[in-house]
Amino acid sequence: MKADTEPGGDGPRAESVTAFTRRVKLLLETNLQAAWIRGEISNLRAQASGHVYFSLKDAGAQLSAVMFRGDALRQTVKLRDGLQVIVYGEVSVYEARGQYQLIVRVVVDDGVGRLQRELEALKARLAAEGLFAPERKQAIPTLPLTVGFITSPTGAAVQDFVRIMTRRKWRGRIVVLPAKVQGEGAAADMIAMLREAQALKIFDLIVIGRGGGSLEDLWAFNEEPLVRAVAACTVPIISAVGHEIDFTLCDFAADLRAETPSAAAELITSHFVDGLERARQSALALETLAAGGVERARAQLDHARSRLRLLTPAAQIQQGFLRVDDLANQLVASWRHALQQRRQQVGELRSALAQHSPEKRVQLESHRLLSLWKRLQAASPRSVLNRGFVLMRDAQGRPVTRRGQASADQRLTAEFADGTLPVRVESKPGQ
């Protein structure tokens, strides 16, 4: 059969990436049946959608896997990094990345992961030998001048370490001892650097570490030769591997464990920073003491100058003048005070005489009589008539104050304020 060729060319026609990937997808999904696979879970990620992504690993290979939400909800095994499992699933190709992956349908717990089992067994054996005993550990120098850092020279860990040491204004020297920190040969590389550092005899402190990662990424720090080399190091050594939750056997073998390389930098510089602060406080205290001494000396000098001026003849004459003026002022003030007292006494006598004067009593009695006269006027009948009232009198001139006192055809006199007026009762009141 003749192969397709490019227009105008003699070679085979080129496929697009999409078409080729689809052929691979069809080939794999058609020819590979679903199977049971044993491995260790790592890089576990649970998405908000409910899908779960992870890698399935063993000592020789790694396989990407995904378990969709429906399958994940049916599982009874709680997935975690380092868990040894047996999974059942089929191969599929994710075309957007051209990556094949295992679509997991079932997960069965296969016990503790191989690497974790090896780690626990080695840890127990080395602990039984006393390799991690506290009495074997050396004291960390408080102010190391030269620090060696065994790590990858291109990793973020060394950058964070140097940045923090610089920010805290550490005055020592940092020497990066480059070594692989992950993969095959990493442990041997770090052992060689550790021996080199001891042979140079220039380091006050050694730090060995790297940034965080999975158990597989940090495995070099769990290998027995490196752990023993760290424990036997003649220079005080700090293990700073991974994140705060990561533990390696080097952490137990080292003289001190730091949660991270950044934490190691802060720990190393802590005493230096404290020393700088104490020096700063001492300088401020010394400056304060010096300033206070100068100020006190200046005050004493000013006082001596003042006393010297007071002892001169001119100052004595001036003091005499001031004393004379002061006595004159006191004399005038005393005379004014005596005069004021006499004036006050005369005023008090005048007031007492005024209180016993007949004129004042006459005035009081006149006011009282006037008040009584006004009350008498207010109570007189004339005063009542002036207010608009009328006084009725009978023929004998007696006041008629009740309606029942009047009789029919009786003649009465109505007295007003401006005169009288005769009146006649037409009928007996009440009829």
Protein backbone atom coordinates (compact mmCIF):
# COMPACT_ATOMS: atom_id res chain seq x y z
CA MET A 1 0.00 0.00 0.00
CA LYS A 2 1.34 3.44 -0.95
CA ALA A 3 2.01 5.79 1.96
CA ASP A 4 0.53 9.30 2.08
CA THR A 5 3.04 11.99 1.14
CA GLU A 6 3.26 15.72 1.59
CA PRO A 7 2.06 17.76 -1.43
CA GLY A 8 4.98 18.31 -3.78
CA GLY A 9 7.25 15.95 -1.83
CA ASP A 10 8.36 12.37 -1.98
CA GLY A 11 8.35 11.61 1.79
CA PRO A 12 5.48 10.35 3.96
CA ARG A 13 2.77 12.83 4.97
CA ALA A 14 3.37 14.35 8.46
CA GLU A 15 0.74 13.84 11.16
CA SER A 16 -0.41 16.51 13.57
CA VAL A 17 0.43 16.07 17.21
CA THR A 18 -3.27 15.59 17.98
CA ALA A 19 -3.67 12.86 15.38
CA PHE A 20 -0.55 11.01 16.52
CA THR A 21 -1.57 11.25 20.19
CA ARG A 22 -4.97 9.86 19.37
CA ARG A 23 -3.35 6.89 17.58
CA VAL A 24 -1.22 6.24 20.66
CA LYS A 25 -4.29 6.56 22.90
CA LEU A 26 -6.23 4.11 20.74
CA LEU A 27 -3.29 1.69 20.63
CA LEU A 28 -2.76 1.69 24.40
CA GLU A 29 -6.39 1.63 25.47
CA THR A 30 -7.23 -1.12 22.98
CA ASN A 31 -4.30 -3.46 23.59
CA LEU A 32 -3.71 -3.01 27.34
CA GLN A 33 -6.36 -4.57 29.51
CA ALA A 34 -7.21 -3.48 33.06
CA ALA A 35 -4.83 -4.93 35.62
CA TRP A 36 -3.88 -5.07 39.32
CA ILE A 37 -0.72 -3.07 40.14
CA ARG A 38 1.24 -2.86 43.38
CA GLY A 39 3.11 0.28 44.39
CA GLU A 40 3.59 3.10 46.90
CA ILE A 41 1.52 6.29 46.85
CA SER A 42 3.32 9.64 46.63
CA ASN A 43 2.51 13.23 45.58
CA LEU A 44 -1.11 12.71 46.66
CA ARG A 45 -3.44 15.60 45.67
CA ALA A 46 -7.18 15.71 46.33
CA GLN A 47 -8.94 18.31 44.17
CA ALA A 48 -12.02 20.32 45.17
CA SER A 49 -13.90 18.48 42.42
CA GLY A 50 -13.45 15.23 44.33
CA HIS A 51 -10.94 13.72 41.91
CA VAL A 52 -7.73 12.34 43.43
CA TYR A 53 -4.34 12.47 41.69
CA PHE A 54 -1.22 10.61 42.84
CA SER A 55 1.85 8.73 41.69
CA LEU A 56 2.34 5.01 42.09
CA LYS A 57 6.00 4.13 42.69
CA ASP A 58 8.37 1.33 43.36
CA ALA A 59 12.16 1.20 43.36
CA GLY A 60 12.43 1.24 39.58
CA ALA A 61 9.60 3.28 38.07
CA GLN A 62 6.79 5.73 38.63
CA LEU A 63 3.26 5.79 37.22
CA SER A 64 0.81 8.70 37.21
CA ALA A 65 -2.66 7.77 38.41
CA VAL A 66 -6.04 9.40 38.81
CA MET A 67 -9.16 8.27 40.62
CA PHE A 68 -12.33 10.11 39.68
CA ARG A 69 -14.84 11.35 42.22
CA GLY A 70 -17.32 8.48 41.91
CA ASP A 71 -14.62 5.83 42.39
CA ALA A 72 -12.97 7.82 45.20
CA LEU A 73 -16.20 7.96 47.21
CA ARG A 74 -16.54 4.16 47.09
CA GLN A 75 -13.09 3.43 48.56
CA THR A 76 -12.61 2.37 52.17
CA VAL A 77 -8.83 2.91 52.20
CA LYS A 78 -7.69 6.35 53.40
CA LEU A 79 -4.98 7.37 50.95
CA ARG A 80 -1.77 9.06 52.12
CA ASP A 81 1.78 9.49 50.91
CA GLY A 82 3.96 6.45 51.62
CA LEU A 83 1.03 4.02 51.74
CA GLN A 84 1.73 0.70 50.01
CA VAL A 85 -1.35 -0.27 47.96
CA ILE A 86 -2.62 -2.59 45.24
CA VAL A 87 -4.82 -0.82 42.70
CA TYR A 88 -7.00 -2.00 39.85
CA GLY A 89 -7.42 0.15 36.76
CA GLU A 90 -6.92 0.69 33.08
CA VAL A 91 -4.49 2.78 31.08
CA SER A 92 -5.64 5.99 29.42
CA VAL A 93 -3.91 8.86 27.62
CA TYR A 94 -4.49 12.49 28.56
CA GLU A 95 -4.29 14.02 25.09
CA ALA A 96 -3.74 17.63 26.20
CA ARG A 97 -0.35 16.67 27.68
CA GLY A 98 0.39 13.54 25.72
CA GLN A 99 0.74 11.71 29.03
CA TYR A 100 -0.46 8.24 29.83
CA GLN A 101 -1.96 7.55 33.23
CA LEU A 102 -3.71 4.84 35.16
CA ILE A 103 -7.44 5.31 35.76
CA VAL A 104 -7.83 3.69 39.19
CA ARG A 105 -11.11 1.98 40.03
CA VAL A 106 -10.24 0.04 43.19
CA VAL A 107 -7.63 0.56 45.94
CA VAL A 108 -6.55 -2.14 48.40
CA ASP A 109 -4.21 -1.43 51.33
CA ASP A 110 -0.99 -3.44 50.92
CA GLY A 111 0.46 -2.49 54.30
CA VAL A 112 3.18 0.02 55.22
CA GLY A 113 5.25 1.24 52.28
CA ARG A 114 8.56 -0.43 51.63
CA LEU A 115 10.57 2.74 52.09
CA GLN A 116 8.79 3.54 55.35
CA ARG A 117 9.38 0.03 56.63
CA GLU A 118 13.06 0.27 55.74
CA LEU A 119 13.30 3.65 57.46
CA GLU A 120 11.72 2.45 60.69
CA ALA A 121 13.86 -0.70 60.77
CA LEU A 122 17.09 1.24 60.20
CA LYS A 123 16.10 3.86 62.76
CA ALA A 124 15.45 1.19 65.39
CA ARG A 125 18.75 -0.56 64.67
CA LEU A 126 20.85 2.60 64.81
CA ALA A 127 19.07 3.79 67.95
CA ALA A 128 19.84 0.47 69.59
CA GLU A 129 23.52 1.04 68.81
CA GLY A 130 23.32 4.36 70.67
CA LEU A 131 24.01 6.37 67.51
CA PHE A 132 21.31 8.90 68.44
CA ALA A 133 22.17 9.09 72.16
CA PRO A 134 22.21 12.66 73.59
CA GLU A 135 25.60 12.11 75.27
CA ARG A 136 27.22 11.65 71.85
CA LYS A 137 26.15 15.08 70.66
CA GLN A 138 28.43 18.11 70.62
CA ALA A 139 27.49 21.59 71.76
CA ILE A 140 26.66 24.04 68.97
CA PRO A 141 29.01 27.08 69.09
CA THR A 142 27.21 30.27 70.03
CA LEU A 143 29.22 32.52 67.69
CA PRO A 144 30.64 30.43 64.82
CA LEU A 145 32.89 32.41 62.47
CA THR A 146 33.01 29.97 59.54
CA VAL A 147 30.00 27.84 58.60
CA GLY A 148 29.99 25.16 55.92
CA PHE A 149 26.71 24.28 54.20
CA ILE A 150 26.56 20.89 52.44
CA THR A 151 23.72 21.21 49.94
CA SER A 152 22.88 21.70 46.28
CA PRO A 153 24.42 25.01 45.15
CA THR A 154 21.46 25.67 42.83
CA GLY A 155 18.64 24.86 45.25
CA ALA A 156 16.32 27.34 46.94
CA ALA A 157 17.54 26.15 50.35
CA VAL A 158 21.00 27.72 50.01
CA GLN A 159 19.50 30.97 48.71
CA ASP A 160 17.11 31.21 51.67
CA PHE A 161 19.96 30.34 54.06
CA VAL A 162 22.30 33.04 52.72
CA ARG A 163 19.50 35.61 52.48
CA ILE A 164 18.54 35.21 56.14
CA MET A 165 22.17 35.28 57.30
CA THR A 166 22.69 38.48 55.31
CA ARG A 167 19.46 40.09 56.49
CA ARG A 168 20.43 39.46 60.11
CA LYS A 169 23.83 41.13 59.39
CA TRP A 170 25.90 38.12 60.40
CA ARG A 171 29.63 38.92 60.25
CA GLY A 172 30.97 35.39 59.72
CA ARG A 173 31.83 33.45 56.55
CA ILE A 174 29.62 30.96 54.72
CA VAL A 175 31.18 28.27 52.54
CA VAL A 176 28.82 26.28 50.32
CA LEU A 177 30.04 22.69 49.91
CA PRO A 178 28.27 21.54 46.73
CA ALA A 179 26.76 18.06 46.68
CA LYS A 180 23.86 16.15 45.22
CA VAL A 181 20.99 15.95 47.68
CA GLN A 182 18.61 13.69 45.77
CA GLY A 183 18.81 10.56 43.68
CA GLU A 184 21.46 7.96 43.11
CA GLY A 185 24.88 8.87 44.47
CA ALA A 186 23.57 11.75 46.58
CA ALA A 187 24.51 10.13 49.89
CA ALA A 188 28.04 9.31 48.70
CA ASP A 189 28.43 12.87 47.42
CA MET A 190 27.44 14.36 50.78
CA ILE A 191 29.73 11.94 52.66
CA ALA A 192 32.66 13.10 50.52
CA MET A 193 31.88 16.75 51.24
CA LEU A 194 31.53 15.99 54.94
CA ARG A 195 34.99 14.37 55.02
CA GLU A 196 36.46 17.25 53.02
CA ALA A 197 35.01 19.77 55.46
CA GLN A 198 36.57 17.97 58.43
CA ALA A 199 39.92 17.69 56.66
CA LEU A 200 40.05 21.45 55.96
CA LYS A 201 39.82 22.22 59.69
CA ILE A 202 38.45 25.71 59.03
CA PHE A 203 34.83 25.22 60.02
CA ASP A 204 33.34 26.02 63.39
CA LEU A 205 29.99 24.56 62.34
CA ILE A 206 28.60 22.45 59.48
CA VAL A 207 25.03 22.47 58.19
CA ILE A 208 23.75 19.66 55.99
CA GLY A 209 20.34 19.87 54.37
CA ARG A 210 17.99 20.77 51.54
CA GLY A 211 14.42 21.92 50.93
CA GLY A 212 11.31 19.82 51.42
CA GLY A 213 10.08 16.94 49.31
CA SER A 214 8.53 13.49 49.39
CA LEU A 215 9.97 10.54 51.28
CA GLU A 216 11.70 9.41 48.07
CA ASP A 217 13.17 12.89 47.52
CA LEU A 218 14.66 12.96 51.01
CA TRP A 219 15.75 9.31 51.05
CA ALA A 220 19.46 10.08 50.66
CA PHE A 221 19.41 11.57 54.17
CA ASN A 222 18.14 8.22 55.49
CA GLU A 223 20.90 6.08 53.98
CA GLU A 224 22.97 4.36 56.62
CA PRO A 225 26.46 5.44 55.43
CA LEU A 226 25.50 9.12 55.51
CA VAL A 227 23.74 8.81 58.87
CA ARG A 228 26.85 7.20 60.37
CA ALA A 229 29.10 9.85 58.81
CA VAL A 230 26.94 12.62 60.34
CA ALA A 231 27.04 10.95 63.75
CA ALA A 232 30.84 10.57 63.58
CA CYS A 233 31.52 14.14 62.40
CA THR A 234 34.14 15.84 64.58
CA VAL A 235 32.78 19.30 63.79
CA PRO A 236 29.42 20.29 65.37
CA ILE A 237 26.75 19.65 62.75
CA ILE A 238 23.15 20.80 62.24
CA SER A 239 20.73 18.79 60.12
CA ALA A 240 18.25 21.03 58.25
CA VAL A 241 16.34 18.78 55.90
CA GLY A 242 12.93 19.51 54.37
CA HIS A 243 10.03 21.24 56.05
CA GLU A 244 9.01 21.29 59.69
CA ILE A 245 7.03 18.04 59.37
CA ASP A 246 9.87 16.16 57.62
CA PHE A 247 12.14 13.93 59.69
CA THR A 248 15.17 12.01 58.44
CA LEU A 249 17.69 9.81 60.23
CA CYS A 250 20.30 12.55 59.76
CA ASP A 251 18.14 14.71 62.03
CA PHE A 252 18.56 12.19 64.85
CA ALA A 253 22.28 11.63 64.19
CA ALA A 254 23.22 15.33 63.99
CA ASP A 255 24.12 17.40 67.04
CA LEU A 256 21.01 19.53 66.45
CA ARG A 257 17.99 19.45 64.14
CA ALA A 258 16.58 22.57 62.50
CA GLU A 259 13.10 22.39 60.99
CA THR A 260 14.25 24.01 57.73
CA PRO A 261 17.43 25.55 56.29
CA SER A 262 15.94 28.96 57.05
CA ALA A 263 15.40 27.92 60.66
CA ALA A 264 19.06 26.80 60.80
CA ALA A 265 20.16 30.26 59.62
CA GLU A 266 18.07 31.96 62.30
CA LEU A 267 19.39 29.58 64.95
CA ILE A 268 23.04 30.18 63.98
CA THR A 269 22.62 33.95 63.99
CA SER A 270 20.44 34.14 67.11
CA HIS A 271 23.35 34.61 69.55
CA PHE A 272 25.04 37.01 67.13
CA VAL A 273 21.85 39.09 66.87
CA ASP A 274 21.50 39.02 70.66
CA GLY A 275 25.13 40.13 70.98
CA LEU A 276 24.56 42.98 68.54
CA GLU A 277 21.52 44.07 70.50
CA ARG A 278 23.44 43.93 73.78
CA ALA A 279 26.27 45.91 72.20
CA ARG A 280 23.78 48.47 70.91
CA GLN A 281 22.15 48.76 74.32
CA SER A 282 25.58 49.04 75.98
CA ALA A 283 26.58 51.79 73.54
CA LEU A 284 23.36 53.66 74.27
CA ALA A 285 23.91 53.24 78.03
CA LEU A 286 27.52 54.41 77.72
CA GLU A 287 26.44 57.39 75.66
CA THR A 288 23.77 58.22 78.23
CA LEU A 289 26.26 57.92 81.09
CA ALA A 290 28.80 60.10 79.26
CA ALA A 291 26.20 62.72 78.44
CA GLY A 292 24.98 62.68 82.05
CA GLY A 293 28.54 63.06 83.38
CA VAL A 294 29.22 66.00 81.08
CA GLU A 295 25.93 67.60 82.05
CA ARG A 296 26.63 67.18 85.76
CA ALA A 297 30.15 68.62 85.34
CA ARG A 298 28.73 71.58 83.43
CA ALA A 299 26.15 72.18 86.18
CA GLN A 300 28.85 72.04 88.85
CA LEU A 301 30.96 74.52 86.86
CA ASP A 302 28.02 76.88 86.45
CA HIS A 303 27.32 76.64 90.19
CA ALA A 304 30.95 77.44 91.02
CA ARG A 305 30.87 80.42 88.67
CA SER A 306 27.69 81.68 90.30
CA ARG A 307 29.15 81.37 93.80
CA LEU A 308 32.32 83.14 92.67
CA ARG A 309 30.29 86.03 91.29
CA LEU A 310 28.37 86.29 94.58
CA LEU A 311 31.61 86.59 96.57
CA THR A 312 33.00 89.61 94.65
CA PRO A 313 32.87 93.12 96.34
CA ALA A 314 30.57 94.42 93.59
CA ALA A 315 28.18 91.51 94.22
CA GLN A 316 28.27 92.21 97.98
CA ILE A 317 27.44 95.91 97.41
CA GLN A 318 24.60 94.91 95.07
CA GLN A 319 23.30 92.52 97.71
CA GLY A 320 23.39 95.39 100.24
CA PHE A 321 21.36 97.61 97.91
CA LEU A 322 18.88 94.81 97.41
CA ARG A 323 18.61 94.32 101.18
CA VAL A 324 17.97 98.05 101.74
CA ASP A 325 15.30 98.11 99.05
CA ASP A 326 13.72 95.01 100.51
CA LEU A 327 13.58 96.52 104.01
CA ALA A 328 12.11 99.76 102.63
CA ASN A 329 9.45 97.79 100.82
CA GLN A 330 8.67 95.87 103.99
CA LEU A 331 8.36 99.14 105.98
CA VAL A 332 5.96 100.66 103.45
CA ALA A 333 3.93 97.49 103.35
CA SER A 334 3.75 97.40 107.16
CA TRP A 335 2.63 101.05 107.34
CA ARG A 336 -0.03 100.44 104.65
CA HIS A 337 -1.26 97.40 106.50
CA ALA A 338 -1.59 99.30 109.80
CA LEU A 339 -3.44 102.13 108.06
CA GLN A 340 -5.78 99.68 106.42
CA GLN A 341 -6.56 98.11 109.79
CA ARG A 342 -7.39 101.52 111.30
CA ARG A 343 -9.66 102.36 108.38
CA GLN A 344 -11.42 99.04 108.80
CA GLN A 345 -11.97 99.65 112.53
CA VAL A 346 -13.44 103.15 111.84
CA GLY A 347 -15.77 101.66 109.27
CA GLU A 348 -16.96 99.00 111.71
CA LEU A 349 -17.66 101.66 114.41
CA ARG A 350 -19.53 103.81 111.89
CA SER A 351 -21.69 100.85 110.92
CA ALA A 352 -22.48 100.06 114.57
CA LEU A 353 -23.44 103.74 115.23
CA ALA A 354 -25.68 103.78 112.17
CA GLN A 355 -27.51 100.71 113.42
CA HIS A 356 -28.36 102.45 116.76
CA SER A 357 -29.39 105.83 115.22
CA PRO A 358 -33.07 107.06 115.97
CA GLU A 359 -33.35 108.18 112.35
CA LYS A 360 -33.20 104.64 111.14
CA ARG A 361 -35.92 103.57 113.61
CA VAL A 362 -38.13 106.48 112.56
CA GLN A 363 -37.73 105.39 108.95
CA LEU A 364 -38.66 101.81 109.85
CA GLU A 365 -41.77 102.91 111.79
CA SER A 366 -42.82 105.25 108.96
CA HIS A 367 -42.59 102.39 106.51
CA ARG A 368 -44.64 100.19 108.85
CA LEU A 369 -47.38 102.86 109.26
CA LEU A 370 -47.50 103.38 105.53
CA SER A 371 -47.93 99.66 105.02
CA LEU A 372 -50.77 99.52 107.56
CA TRP A 373 -52.49 102.51 105.92
CA LYS A 374 -52.31 100.79 102.55
CA ARG A 375 -53.83 97.65 103.99
CA LEU A 376 -56.61 99.74 105.63
CA GLN A 377 -57.35 101.47 102.37
CA ALA A 378 -57.49 98.16 100.55
CA ALA A 379 -60.06 96.85 103.08
CA SER A 380 -62.37 99.96 103.14
CA PRO A 381 -65.77 99.93 101.31
CA ARG A 382 -64.64 102.83 99.18
CA SER A 383 -61.86 100.70 97.81
CA VAL A 384 -64.41 97.99 96.94
CA LEU A 385 -66.61 100.52 95.11
CA ASN A 386 -63.60 101.80 93.18
CA ARG A 387 -63.15 98.30 91.84
CA GLY A 388 -66.66 98.38 90.24
CA PHE A 389 -68.79 96.89 93.01
CA VAL A 390 -72.14 98.41 94.27
CA LEU A 391 -73.27 98.68 97.92
CA MET A 392 -77.01 98.37 98.56
CA ARG A 393 -78.50 100.16 101.59
CA ASP A 394 -82.04 100.25 102.96
CA ALA A 395 -83.92 103.39 104.00
CA GLN A 396 -82.12 103.45 107.35
CA GLY A 397 -78.77 103.30 105.61
CA ARG A 398 -78.01 99.71 106.64
CA PRO A 399 -76.23 97.52 104.12
CA VAL A 400 -78.34 94.91 102.37
CA THR A 401 -75.92 92.01 101.94
CA ARG A 402 -78.40 89.16 101.25
CA ARG A 403 -81.13 88.74 98.70
CA GLY A 404 -83.55 87.57 101.37
CA GLN A 405 -83.27 90.88 103.27
CA ALA A 406 -85.15 92.71 100.50
CA SER A 407 -89.00 92.82 100.22
CA ALA A 408 -91.40 93.81 97.42
CA ASP A 409 -91.83 97.55 96.82
CA GLN A 410 -88.97 98.23 99.21
CA ARG A 411 -86.91 101.26 98.36
CA LEU A 412 -83.16 100.90 98.45
CA THR A 413 -80.20 103.08 97.67
CA ALA A 414 -77.41 101.78 95.37
CA GLU A 415 -74.10 103.35 96.29
CA PHE A 416 -71.52 103.61 93.50
CA ALA A 417 -67.99 104.98 93.61
CA ASP A 418 -69.15 108.26 92.06
CA GLY A 419 -72.47 108.63 93.93
CA THR A 420 -75.80 107.01 94.90
CA LEU A 421 -78.89 105.96 92.95
CA PRO A 422 -82.36 105.18 94.42
CA VAL A 423 -83.87 101.81 93.40
CA ARG A 424 -87.15 99.93 94.17
CA VAL A 425 -87.64 96.20 94.56
CA GLU A 426 -90.51 95.24 92.25
CA SER A 427 -91.08 91.80 93.66
CA LYS A 428 -89.74 89.76 96.53
CA PRO A 429 -86.59 87.96 95.45
CA GLY A 430 -87.15 84.29 94.73
CA GLN A 431 -90.80 84.82 93.58
